[in-house]
Amino acid sequence: MPSTSNNHFGIFILALFLLGAILFVVGTLLRRETAPPLALAEAPSPEAELDLELRIDRVERLAIVGQPWCVEELNEIRSDDPDATVREAADAALLVIAARAPLSF
């Protein structure tokens, strides 16, 4: 015959386990309610990443050519491009072109 103290201890452990499981489920549900939903639009698409690389490549090529028409294009990119990375690349390209320009007296 099992002793009653072992049965009480087993019931206590079972109740503790069930309480922990209930708290885990409730906490998870509350966390999911307060967490912002994940949007698929937040992750950049491969096409968008390729487009960004192509725009930066265009800025680099304009800096290599360095003609006055390139400076005009870079100024347009600097003011109109929606991506800050491309605008910063255009700023850097303009600095490179200005540093290469011969000094006129």
PDB file of N, CA and C in Angstrom:
ATOM      1  N   MET A   1       0.824  -1.176   0.000  1.00  0.00           N
ATOM      2  CA  MET A   1       0.000   0.000   0.000  1.00  0.00           C
ATOM      3  C   MET A   1       0.873   1.247   0.000  1.00  0.00           C
ATOM      4  N   PRO A   2       0.651   2.141  -0.981  1.00  0.00           N
ATOM      5  CA  PRO A   2       1.449   3.360  -0.998  1.00  0.00           C
ATOM      6  C   PRO A   2       1.058   4.293   0.132  1.00  0.00           C
ATOM      7  N   SER A   3       2.070   5.041   0.547  1.00  0.00           N
ATOM      8  CA  SER A   3       1.793   5.980   1.633  1.00  0.00           C
ATOM      9  C   SER A   3       1.091   7.211   1.090  1.00  0.00           C
ATOM     10  N   THR A   4       0.321   7.855   1.917  1.00  0.00           N
ATOM     11  CA  THR A   4      -0.445   9.024   1.496  1.00  0.00           C
ATOM     12  C   THR A   4       0.441  10.236   1.284  1.00  0.00           C
ATOM     13  N   SER A   5       1.606  10.299   1.929  1.00  0.00           N
ATOM     14  CA  SER A   5       2.491  11.444   1.739  1.00  0.00           C
ATOM     15  C   SER A   5       3.067  11.435   0.325  1.00  0.00           C
ATOM     16  N   ASN A   6       3.314  10.246  -0.251  1.00  0.00           N
ATOM     17  CA  ASN A   6       3.799  10.196  -1.630  1.00  0.00           C
ATOM     18  C   ASN A   6       2.712  10.640  -2.600  1.00  0.00           C
ATOM     19  N   ASN A   7       1.470  10.299  -2.325  1.00  0.00           N
ATOM     20  CA  ASN A   7       0.370  10.729  -3.180  1.00  0.00           C
ATOM     21  C   ASN A   7       0.190  12.242  -3.121  1.00  0.00           C
ATOM     22  N   HIS A   8       0.349  12.827  -1.950  1.00  0.00           N
ATOM     23  CA  HIS A   8       0.221  14.282  -1.812  1.00  0.00           C
ATOM     24  C   HIS A   8       1.357  14.985  -2.549  1.00  0.00           C
ATOM     25  N   PHE A   9       2.544  14.440  -2.475  1.00  0.00           N
ATOM     26  CA  PHE A   9       3.683  15.039  -3.173  1.00  0.00           C
ATOM     27  C   PHE A   9       3.484  14.943  -4.683  1.00  0.00           C
ATOM     28  N   GLY A  10       3.006  13.834  -5.188  1.00  0.00           N
ATOM     29  CA  GLY A  10       2.744  13.663  -6.620  1.00  0.00           C
ATOM     30  C   GLY A  10       1.660  14.600  -7.105  1.00  0.00           C
ATOM     31  N   ILE A  11       0.620  14.759  -6.303  1.00  0.00           N
ATOM     32  CA  ILE A  11      -0.457  15.682  -6.662  1.00  0.00           C
ATOM     33  C   ILE A  11       0.053  17.124  -6.662  1.00  0.00           C
ATOM     34  N   PHE A  12       0.916  17.448  -5.705  1.00  0.00           N
ATOM     35  CA  PHE A  12       1.501  18.787  -5.649  1.00  0.00           C
ATOM     36  C   PHE A  12       2.349  19.057  -6.900  1.00  0.00           C
ATOM     37  N   ILE A  13       3.174  18.099  -7.319  1.00  0.00           N
ATOM     38  CA  ILE A  13       4.022  18.267  -8.510  1.00  0.00           C
ATOM     39  C   ILE A  13       3.141  18.402  -9.754  1.00  0.00           C
ATOM     40  N   LEU A  14       2.111  17.588  -9.851  1.00  0.00           N
ATOM     41  CA  LEU A  14       1.193  17.660 -10.991  1.00  0.00           C
ATOM     42  C   LEU A  14       0.489  19.019 -11.049  1.00  0.00           C
ATOM     43  N   ALA A  15       0.036  19.511  -9.909  1.00  0.00           N
ATOM     44  CA  ALA A  15      -0.631  20.811  -9.854  1.00  0.00           C
ATOM     45  C   ALA A  15       0.343  21.930 -10.224  1.00  0.00           C
ATOM     46  N   LEU A  16       1.584  21.816  -9.760  1.00  0.00           N
ATOM     47  CA  LEU A  16       2.604  22.809 -10.089  1.00  0.00           C
ATOM     48  C   LEU A  16       2.893  22.805 -11.586  1.00  0.00           C
ATOM     49  N   PHE A  17       2.983  21.625 -12.167  1.00  0.00           N
ATOM     50  CA  PHE A  17       3.214  21.506 -13.606  1.00  0.00           C
ATOM     51  C   PHE A  17       2.049  22.116 -14.393  1.00  0.00           C
ATOM     52  N   LEU A  18       0.828  21.810 -14.010  1.00  0.00           N
ATOM     53  CA  LEU A  18      -0.342  22.353 -14.704  1.00  0.00           C
ATOM     54  C   LEU A  18      -0.422  23.870 -14.579  1.00  0.00           C
ATOM     55  N   LEU A  19      -0.087  24.395 -13.409  1.00  0.00           N
ATOM     56  CA  LEU A  19      -0.079  25.842 -13.209  1.00  0.00           C
ATOM     57  C   LEU A  19       0.964  26.497 -14.123  1.00  0.00           C
ATOM     58  N   GLY A  20       2.141  25.912 -14.205  1.00  0.00           N
ATOM     59  CA  GLY A  20       3.179  26.449 -15.091  1.00  0.00           C
ATOM     60  C   GLY A  20       2.760  26.408 -16.547  1.00  0.00           C
ATOM     61  N   ALA A  21       2.112  25.310 -16.957  1.00  0.00           N
ATOM     62  CA  ALA A  21       1.651  25.201 -18.338  1.00  0.00           C
ATOM     63  C   ALA A  21       0.592  26.247 -18.647  1.00  0.00           C
ATOM     64  N   ILE A  22      -0.321  26.466 -17.709  1.00  0.00           N
ATOM     65  CA  ILE A  22      -1.369  27.473 -17.909  1.00  0.00           C
ATOM     66  C   ILE A  22      -0.768  28.873 -18.003  1.00  0.00           C
ATOM     67  N   LEU A  23       0.192  29.172 -17.130  1.00  0.00           N
ATOM     68  CA  LEU A  23       0.847  30.487 -17.180  1.00  0.00           C
ATOM     69  C   LEU A  23       1.608  30.668 -18.492  1.00  0.00           C
ATOM     70  N   PHE A  24       2.234  29.616 -18.968  1.00  0.00           N
ATOM     71  CA  PHE A  24       2.952  29.687 -20.242  1.00  0.00           C
ATOM     72  C   PHE A  24       1.988  30.002 -21.385  1.00  0.00           C
ATOM     73  N   VAL A  25       0.867  29.312 -21.446  1.00  0.00           N
ATOM     74  CA  VAL A  25      -0.104  29.521 -22.519  1.00  0.00           C
ATOM     75  C   VAL A  25      -0.692  30.929 -22.445  1.00  0.00           C
ATOM     76  N   VAL A  26      -1.062  31.372 -21.251  1.00  0.00           N
ATOM     77  CA  VAL A  26      -1.638  32.714 -21.090  1.00  0.00           C
ATOM     78  C   VAL A  26      -0.606  33.782 -21.470  1.00  0.00           C
ATOM     79  N   GLY A  27       0.625  33.604 -21.027  1.00  0.00           N
ATOM     80  CA  GLY A  27       1.675  34.567 -21.365  1.00  0.00           C
ATOM     81  C   GLY A  27       1.932  34.632 -22.857  1.00  0.00           C
ATOM     82  N   THR A  28       1.932  33.487 -23.513  1.00  0.00           N
ATOM     83  CA  THR A  28       2.132  33.459 -24.955  1.00  0.00           C
ATOM     84  C   THR A  28       0.993  34.156 -25.688  1.00  0.00           C
ATOM     85  N   LEU A  29      -0.231  33.899 -25.258  1.00  0.00           N
ATOM     86  CA  LEU A  29      -1.370  34.562 -25.898  1.00  0.00           C
ATOM     87  C   LEU A  29      -1.334  36.073 -25.699  1.00  0.00           C
ATOM     88  N   LEU A  30      -0.979  36.518 -24.501  1.00  0.00           N
ATOM     89  CA  LEU A  30      -0.890  37.956 -24.246  1.00  0.00           C
ATOM     90  C   LEU A  30       0.218  38.586 -25.073  1.00  0.00           C
ATOM     91  N   ARG A  31       1.321  37.892 -25.203  1.00  0.00           N
ATOM     92  CA  ARG A  31       2.447  38.412 -25.981  1.00  0.00           C
ATOM     93  C   ARG A  31       2.067  38.539 -27.453  1.00  0.00           C
ATOM     94  N   ARG A  32       1.347  37.568 -27.962  1.00  0.00           N
ATOM     95  CA  ARG A  32       0.932  37.621 -29.360  1.00  0.00           C
ATOM     96  C   ARG A  32      -0.074  38.742 -29.609  1.00  0.00           C
ATOM     97  N   GLU A  33      -0.892  39.039 -28.634  1.00  0.00           N
ATOM     98  CA  GLU A  33      -1.860  40.132 -28.791  1.00  0.00           C
ATOM     99  C   GLU A  33      -1.162  41.484 -28.827  1.00  0.00           C
ATOM    100  N   THR A  34      -0.119  41.668 -28.034  1.00  0.00           N
ATOM    101  CA  THR A  34       0.539  42.974 -27.952  1.00  0.00           C
ATOM    102  C   THR A  34       1.634  43.140 -28.991  1.00  0.00           C
ATOM    103  N   ALA A  35       2.138  42.059 -29.560  1.00  0.00           N
ATOM    104  CA  ALA A  35       3.214  42.164 -30.551  1.00  0.00           C
ATOM    105  C   ALA A  35       2.648  42.707 -31.851  1.00  0.00           C
ATOM    106  N   PRO A  36       3.400  43.585 -32.517  1.00  0.00           N
ATOM    107  CA  PRO A  36       2.918  44.092 -33.801  1.00  0.00           C
ATOM    108  C   PRO A  36       2.940  42.961 -34.828  1.00  0.00           C
ATOM    109  N   PRO A  37       1.992  42.961 -35.734  1.00  0.00           N
ATOM    110  CA  PRO A  37       1.960  41.904 -36.741  1.00  0.00           C
ATOM    111  C   PRO A  37       3.138  42.033 -37.700  1.00  0.00           C
ATOM    112  N   LEU A  38       3.643  40.914 -38.123  1.00  0.00           N
ATOM    113  CA  LEU A  38       4.739  40.921 -39.084  1.00  0.00           C
ATOM    114  C   LEU A  38       4.171  41.183 -40.470  1.00  0.00           C
ATOM    115  N   ALA A  39       4.760  42.129 -41.132  1.00  0.00           N
ATOM    116  CA  ALA A  39       4.303  42.454 -42.479  1.00  0.00           C
ATOM    117  C   ALA A  39       5.297  41.901 -43.486  1.00  0.00           C
ATOM    118  N   LEU A  40       4.778  41.324 -44.520  1.00  0.00           N
ATOM    119  CA  LEU A  40       5.659  40.792 -45.554  1.00  0.00           C
ATOM    120  C   LEU A  40       6.321  41.911 -46.339  1.00  0.00           C
ATOM    121  N   ALA A  41       5.719  43.079 -46.334  1.00  0.00           N
ATOM    122  CA  ALA A  41       6.280  44.187 -47.101  1.00  0.00           C
ATOM    123  C   ALA A  41       7.526  44.766 -46.449  1.00  0.00           C
ATOM    124  N   GLU A  42       7.784  44.463 -45.190  1.00  0.00           N
ATOM    125  CA  GLU A  42       8.945  45.028 -44.513  1.00  0.00           C
ATOM    126  C   GLU A  42      10.246  44.445 -45.054  1.00  0.00           C
ATOM    127  N   ALA A  43      10.232  43.198 -45.452  1.00  0.00           N
ATOM    128  CA  ALA A  43      11.437  42.573 -45.986  1.00  0.00           C
ATOM    129  C   ALA A  43      11.613  43.006 -47.435  1.00  0.00           C
ATOM    130  N   PRO A  44      12.809  43.507 -47.762  1.00  0.00           N
ATOM    131  CA  PRO A  44      13.007  43.937 -49.140  1.00  0.00           C
ATOM    132  C   PRO A  44      13.002  42.736 -50.082  1.00  0.00           C
ATOM    133  N   SER A  45      12.367  42.926 -51.200  1.00  0.00           N
ATOM    134  CA  SER A  45      12.311  41.844 -52.181  1.00  0.00           C
ATOM    135  C   SER A  45      13.654  41.760 -52.910  1.00  0.00           C
ATOM    136  N   PRO A  46      13.954  40.623 -53.506  1.00  0.00           N
ATOM    137  CA  PRO A  46      15.203  40.520 -54.273  1.00  0.00           C
ATOM    138  C   PRO A  46      15.260  41.528 -55.411  1.00  0.00           C
ATOM    139  N   GLU A  47      14.098  41.843 -56.006  1.00  0.00           N
ATOM    140  CA  GLU A  47      14.081  42.836 -57.079  1.00  0.00           C
ATOM    141  C   GLU A  47      14.452  44.211 -56.547  1.00  0.00           C
ATOM    142  N   ALA A  48      13.967  44.538 -55.350  1.00  0.00           N
ATOM    143  CA  ALA A  48      14.277  45.843 -54.758  1.00  0.00           C
ATOM    144  C   ALA A  48      15.760  45.938 -54.420  1.00  0.00           C
ATOM    145  N   GLU A  49      16.342  44.844 -53.916  1.00  0.00           N
ATOM    146  CA  GLU A  49      17.771  44.855 -53.612  1.00  0.00           C
ATOM    147  C   GLU A  49      18.591  44.999 -54.882  1.00  0.00           C
ATOM    148  N   LEU A  50      18.180  44.317 -55.953  1.00  0.00           N
ATOM    149  CA  LEU A  50      18.879  44.424 -57.228  1.00  0.00           C
ATOM    150  C   LEU A  50      18.757  45.834 -57.766  1.00  0.00           C
ATOM    151  N   ASP A  51      17.562  46.428 -57.657  1.00  0.00           N
ATOM    152  CA  ASP A  51      17.342  47.788 -58.111  1.00  0.00           C
ATOM    153  C   ASP A  51      18.251  48.758 -57.353  1.00  0.00           C
ATOM    154  N   LEU A  52      18.393  48.555 -56.045  1.00  0.00           N
ATOM    155  CA  LEU A  52      19.266  49.410 -55.243  1.00  0.00           C
ATOM    156  C   LEU A  52      20.715  49.268 -55.697  1.00  0.00           C
ATOM    157  N   GLU A  53      21.153  48.044 -55.924  1.00  0.00           N
ATOM    158  CA  GLU A  53      22.525  47.824 -56.391  1.00  0.00           C
ATOM    159  C   GLU A  53      22.758  48.478 -57.744  1.00  0.00           C
ATOM    160  N   LEU A  54      21.779  48.391 -58.630  1.00  0.00           N
ATOM    161  CA  LEU A  54      21.919  49.010 -59.952  1.00  0.00           C
ATOM    162  C   LEU A  54      21.990  50.535 -59.852  1.00  0.00           C
ATOM    163  N   ARG A  55      21.196  51.115 -58.971  1.00  0.00           N
ATOM    164  CA  ARG A  55      21.235  52.580 -58.813  1.00  0.00           C
ATOM    165  C   ARG A  55      22.573  53.032 -58.231  1.00  0.00           C
ATOM    166  N   ILE A  56      23.093  52.280 -57.273  1.00  0.00           N
ATOM    167  CA  ILE A  56      24.396  52.636 -56.704  1.00  0.00           C
ATOM    168  C   ILE A  56      25.496  52.452 -57.754  1.00  0.00           C
ATOM    169  N   ASP A  57      25.391  51.395 -58.557  1.00  0.00           N
ATOM    170  CA  ASP A  57      26.352  51.173 -59.634  1.00  0.00           C
ATOM    171  C   ASP A  57      26.314  52.325 -60.633  1.00  0.00           C
ATOM    172  N   ARG A  58      25.127  52.820 -60.933  1.00  0.00           N
ATOM    173  CA  ARG A  58      24.994  53.961 -61.845  1.00  0.00           C
ATOM    174  C   ARG A  58      25.694  55.194 -61.273  1.00  0.00           C
ATOM    175  N   VAL A  59      25.527  55.424 -59.977  1.00  0.00           N
ATOM    176  CA  VAL A  59      26.179  56.567 -59.337  1.00  0.00           C
ATOM    177  C   VAL A  59      27.702  56.422 -59.433  1.00  0.00           C
ATOM    178  N   GLU A  60      28.201  55.220 -59.190  1.00  0.00           N
ATOM    179  CA  GLU A  60      29.652  54.999 -59.261  1.00  0.00           C
ATOM    180  C   GLU A  60      30.175  55.226 -60.667  1.00  0.00           C
ATOM    181  N   ARG A  61      29.432  54.790 -61.667  1.00  0.00           N
ATOM    182  CA  ARG A  61      29.859  54.989 -63.054  1.00  0.00           C
ATOM    183  C   ARG A  61      29.823  56.470 -63.441  1.00  0.00           C
ATOM    184  N   LEU A  62      28.836  57.185 -62.953  1.00  0.00           N
ATOM    185  CA  LEU A  62      28.800  58.627 -63.215  1.00  0.00           C
ATOM    186  C   LEU A  62      30.002  59.328 -62.579  1.00  0.00           C
ATOM    187  N   ALA A  63      30.415  58.866 -61.408  1.00  0.00           N
ATOM    188  CA  ALA A  63      31.590  59.454 -60.750  1.00  0.00           C
ATOM    189  C   ALA A  63      32.854  59.167 -61.548  1.00  0.00           C
ATOM    190  N   ILE A  64      32.919  57.996 -62.161  1.00  0.00           N
ATOM    191  CA  ILE A  64      34.104  57.653 -62.965  1.00  0.00           C
ATOM    192  C   ILE A  64      34.191  58.556 -64.190  1.00  0.00           C
ATOM    193  N   VAL A  65      33.072  58.778 -64.871  1.00  0.00           N
ATOM    194  CA  VAL A  65      33.070  59.605 -66.073  1.00  0.00           C
ATOM    195  C   VAL A  65      33.364  61.052 -65.701  1.00  0.00           C
ATOM    196  N   GLY A  66      32.643  61.596 -64.743  1.00  0.00           N
ATOM    197  CA  GLY A  66      32.945  62.907 -64.182  1.00  0.00           C
ATOM    198  C   GLY A  66      32.704  64.106 -65.072  1.00  0.00           C
ATOM    199  N   GLN A  67      31.964  63.976 -66.141  1.00  0.00           N
ATOM    200  CA  GLN A  67      31.680  65.094 -67.039  1.00  0.00           C
ATOM    201  C   GLN A  67      30.610  65.999 -66.413  1.00  0.00           C
ATOM    202  N   PRO A  68      30.456  67.205 -66.935  1.00  0.00           N
ATOM    203  CA  PRO A  68      29.438  68.114 -66.383  1.00  0.00           C
ATOM    204  C   PRO A  68      28.022  67.521 -66.404  1.00  0.00           C
ATOM    205  N   TRP A  69      27.690  66.769 -67.445  1.00  0.00           N
ATOM    206  CA  TRP A  69      26.362  66.159 -67.481  1.00  0.00           C
ATOM    207  C   TRP A  69      26.213  65.120 -66.368  1.00  0.00           C
ATOM    208  N   CYS A  70      27.327  64.501 -65.957  1.00  0.00           N
ATOM    209  CA  CYS A  70      27.290  63.547 -64.844  1.00  0.00           C
ATOM    210  C   CYS A  70      26.978  64.266 -63.532  1.00  0.00           C
ATOM    211  N   VAL A  71      27.542  65.461 -63.392  1.00  0.00           N
ATOM    212  CA  VAL A  71      27.289  66.238 -62.178  1.00  0.00           C
ATOM    213  C   VAL A  71      25.807  66.597 -62.099  1.00  0.00           C
ATOM    214  N   GLU A  72      25.213  66.951 -63.235  1.00  0.00           N
ATOM    215  CA  GLU A  72      23.779  67.256 -63.256  1.00  0.00           C
ATOM    216  C   GLU A  72      22.954  66.027 -62.862  1.00  0.00           C
ATOM    217  N   GLU A  73      23.322  64.871 -63.433  1.00  0.00           N
ATOM    218  CA  GLU A  73      22.616  63.631 -63.090  1.00  0.00           C
ATOM    219  C   GLU A  73      22.758  63.314 -61.599  1.00  0.00           C
ATOM    220  N   LEU A  74      23.953  63.463 -61.071  1.00  0.00           N
ATOM    221  CA  LEU A  74      24.187  63.175 -59.651  1.00  0.00           C
ATOM    222  C   LEU A  74      23.410  64.126 -58.750  1.00  0.00           C
ATOM    223  N   ASN A  75      23.315  65.385 -59.159  1.00  0.00           N
ATOM    224  CA  ASN A  75      22.508  66.330 -58.378  1.00  0.00           C
ATOM    225  C   ASN A  75      21.034  65.929 -58.381  1.00  0.00           C
ATOM    226  N   GLU A  76      20.544  65.445 -59.529  1.00  0.00           N
ATOM    227  CA  GLU A  76      19.157  64.974 -59.588  1.00  0.00           C
ATOM    228  C   GLU A  76      18.959  63.753 -58.692  1.00  0.00           C
ATOM    229  N   ILE A  77      19.898  62.820 -58.749  1.00  0.00           N
ATOM    230  CA  ILE A  77      19.807  61.627 -57.907  1.00  0.00           C
ATOM    231  C   ILE A  77      19.834  62.027 -56.438  1.00  0.00           C
ATOM    232  N   ARG A  78      20.719  62.945 -56.108  1.00  0.00           N
ATOM    233  CA  ARG A  78      20.854  63.383 -54.718  1.00  0.00           C
ATOM    234  C   ARG A  78      19.574  64.005 -54.187  1.00  0.00           C
ATOM    235  N   SER A  79      18.833  64.667 -55.022  1.00  0.00           N
ATOM    236  CA  SER A  79      17.612  65.320 -54.540  1.00  0.00           C
ATOM    237  C   SER A  79      16.360  64.464 -54.701  1.00  0.00           C
ATOM    238  N   ASP A  80      16.360  63.521 -55.662  1.00  0.00           N
ATOM    239  CA  ASP A  80      15.124  62.809 -55.981  1.00  0.00           C
ATOM    240  C   ASP A  80      15.068  61.355 -55.548  1.00  0.00           C
ATOM    241  N   ASP A  81      16.196  60.706 -55.307  1.00  0.00           N
ATOM    242  CA  ASP A  81      16.161  59.268 -55.024  1.00  0.00           C
ATOM    243  C   ASP A  81      15.522  58.999 -53.664  1.00  0.00           C
ATOM    244  N   PRO A  82      14.652  57.993 -53.582  1.00  0.00           N
ATOM    245  CA  PRO A  82      13.981  57.711 -52.307  1.00  0.00           C
ATOM    246  C   PRO A  82      14.861  57.021 -51.268  1.00  0.00           C
ATOM    247  N   ASP A  83      15.975  56.447 -51.687  1.00  0.00           N
ATOM    248  CA  ASP A  83      16.824  55.695 -50.764  1.00  0.00           C
ATOM    249  C   ASP A  83      17.993  56.552 -50.282  1.00  0.00           C
ATOM    250  N   ALA A  84      18.179  56.606 -48.966  1.00  0.00           N
ATOM    251  CA  ALA A  84      19.247  57.425 -48.390  1.00  0.00           C
ATOM    252  C   ALA A  84      20.627  56.916 -48.793  1.00  0.00           C
ATOM    253  N   THR A  85      20.764  55.620 -48.983  1.00  0.00           N
ATOM    254  CA  THR A  85      22.061  55.059 -49.375  1.00  0.00           C
ATOM    255  C   THR A  85      22.484  55.585 -50.739  1.00  0.00           C
ATOM    256  N   VAL A  86      21.553  55.650 -51.657  1.00  0.00           N
ATOM    257  CA  VAL A  86      21.859  56.139 -53.004  1.00  0.00           C
ATOM    258  C   VAL A  86      22.154  57.632 -52.961  1.00  0.00           C
ATOM    259  N   ARG A  87      21.394  58.370 -52.164  1.00  0.00           N
ATOM    260  CA  ARG A  87      21.663  59.814 -52.042  1.00  0.00           C
ATOM    261  C   ARG A  87      23.045  60.070 -51.462  1.00  0.00           C
ATOM    262  N   GLU A  88      23.435  59.288 -50.451  1.00  0.00           N
ATOM    263  CA  GLU A  88      24.770  59.441 -49.865  1.00  0.00           C
ATOM    264  C   GLU A  88      25.857  59.063 -50.870  1.00  0.00           C
ATOM    265  N   ALA A  89      25.605  58.050 -51.686  1.00  0.00           N
ATOM    266  CA  ALA A  89      26.567  57.671 -52.720  1.00  0.00           C
ATOM    267  C   ALA A  89      26.715  58.795 -53.745  1.00  0.00           C
ATOM    268  N   ALA A  90      25.610  59.451 -54.085  1.00  0.00           N
ATOM    269  CA  ALA A  90      25.678  60.580 -55.019  1.00  0.00           C
ATOM    270  C   ALA A  90      26.461  61.737 -54.414  1.00  0.00           C
ATOM    271  N   ASP A  91      26.277  62.006 -53.133  1.00  0.00           N
ATOM    272  CA  ASP A  91      27.063  63.046 -52.461  1.00  0.00           C
ATOM    273  C   ASP A  91      28.553  62.722 -52.535  1.00  0.00           C
ATOM    274  N   ALA A  92      28.884  61.469 -52.234  1.00  0.00           N
ATOM    275  CA  ALA A  92      30.293  61.054 -52.267  1.00  0.00           C
ATOM    276  C   ALA A  92      30.847  61.152 -53.687  1.00  0.00           C
ATOM    277  N   ALA A  93      30.039  60.791 -54.672  1.00  0.00           N
ATOM    278  CA  ALA A  93      30.490  60.874 -56.065  1.00  0.00           C
ATOM    279  C   ALA A  93      30.749  62.320 -56.466  1.00  0.00           C
ATOM    280  N   LEU A  94      29.899  63.221 -56.027  1.00  0.00           N
ATOM    281  CA  LEU A  94      30.127  64.644 -56.327  1.00  0.00           C
ATOM    282  C   LEU A  94      31.409  65.150 -55.681  1.00  0.00           C
ATOM    283  N   LEU A  95      31.702  64.679 -54.484  1.00  0.00           N
ATOM    284  CA  LEU A  95      32.956  65.062 -53.831  1.00  0.00           C
ATOM    285  C   LEU A  95      34.163  64.530 -54.601  1.00  0.00           C
ATOM    286  N   VAL A  96      34.057  63.324 -55.106  1.00  0.00           N
ATOM    287  CA  VAL A  96      35.153  62.741 -55.890  1.00  0.00           C
ATOM    288  C   VAL A  96      35.376  63.536 -57.158  1.00  0.00           C
ATOM    289  N   ILE A  97      34.298  63.878 -57.838  1.00  0.00           N
ATOM    290  CA  ILE A  97      34.436  64.674 -59.064  1.00  0.00           C
ATOM    291  C   ILE A  97      35.020  66.034 -58.758  1.00  0.00           C
ATOM    292  N   ALA A  98      34.571  66.676 -57.682  1.00  0.00           N
ATOM    293  CA  ALA A  98      35.107  67.991 -57.312  1.00  0.00           C
ATOM    294  C   ALA A  98      36.585  67.915 -56.946  1.00  0.00           C
ATOM    295  N   ALA A  99      37.009  66.838 -56.321  1.00  0.00           N
ATOM    296  CA  ALA A  99      38.416  66.692 -55.938  1.00  0.00           C
ATOM    297  C   ALA A  99      39.293  66.480 -57.172  1.00  0.00           C
ATOM    298  N   ARG A 100      38.759  65.899 -58.231  1.00  0.00           N
ATOM    299  CA  ARG A 100      39.541  65.652 -59.451  1.00  0.00           C
ATOM    300  C   ARG A 100      39.571  66.857 -60.374  1.00  0.00           C
ATOM    301  N   ALA A 101      38.658  67.786 -60.189  1.00  0.00           N
ATOM    302  CA  ALA A 101      38.566  68.926 -61.097  1.00  0.00           C
ATOM    303  C   ALA A 101      39.817  69.785 -60.950  1.00  0.00           C
ATOM    304  N   PRO A 102      40.386  70.182 -62.090  1.00  0.00           N
ATOM    305  CA  PRO A 102      41.581  71.043 -62.030  1.00  0.00           C
ATOM    306  C   PRO A 102      41.213  72.426 -61.491  1.00  0.00           C
ATOM    307  N   LEU A 103      42.134  72.993 -60.791  1.00  0.00           N
ATOM    308  CA  LEU A 103      41.914  74.336 -60.251  1.00  0.00           C
ATOM    309  C   LEU A 103      42.058  75.355 -61.364  1.00  0.00           C
ATOM    310  N   SER A 104      41.121  76.247 -61.453  1.00  0.00           N
ATOM    311  CA  SER A 104      41.199  77.293 -62.479  1.00  0.00           C
ATOM    312  C   SER A 104      41.489  78.616 -61.782  1.00  0.00           C
ATOM    313  N   PHE A 105      42.448  79.323 -62.331  1.00  0.00           N
ATOM    314  CA  PHE A 105      42.822  80.611 -61.736  1.00  0.00           C
ATOM    315  C   PHE A 105      42.426  81.736 -62.615  1.00  0.00           C
TER     316      PHE A 105
END
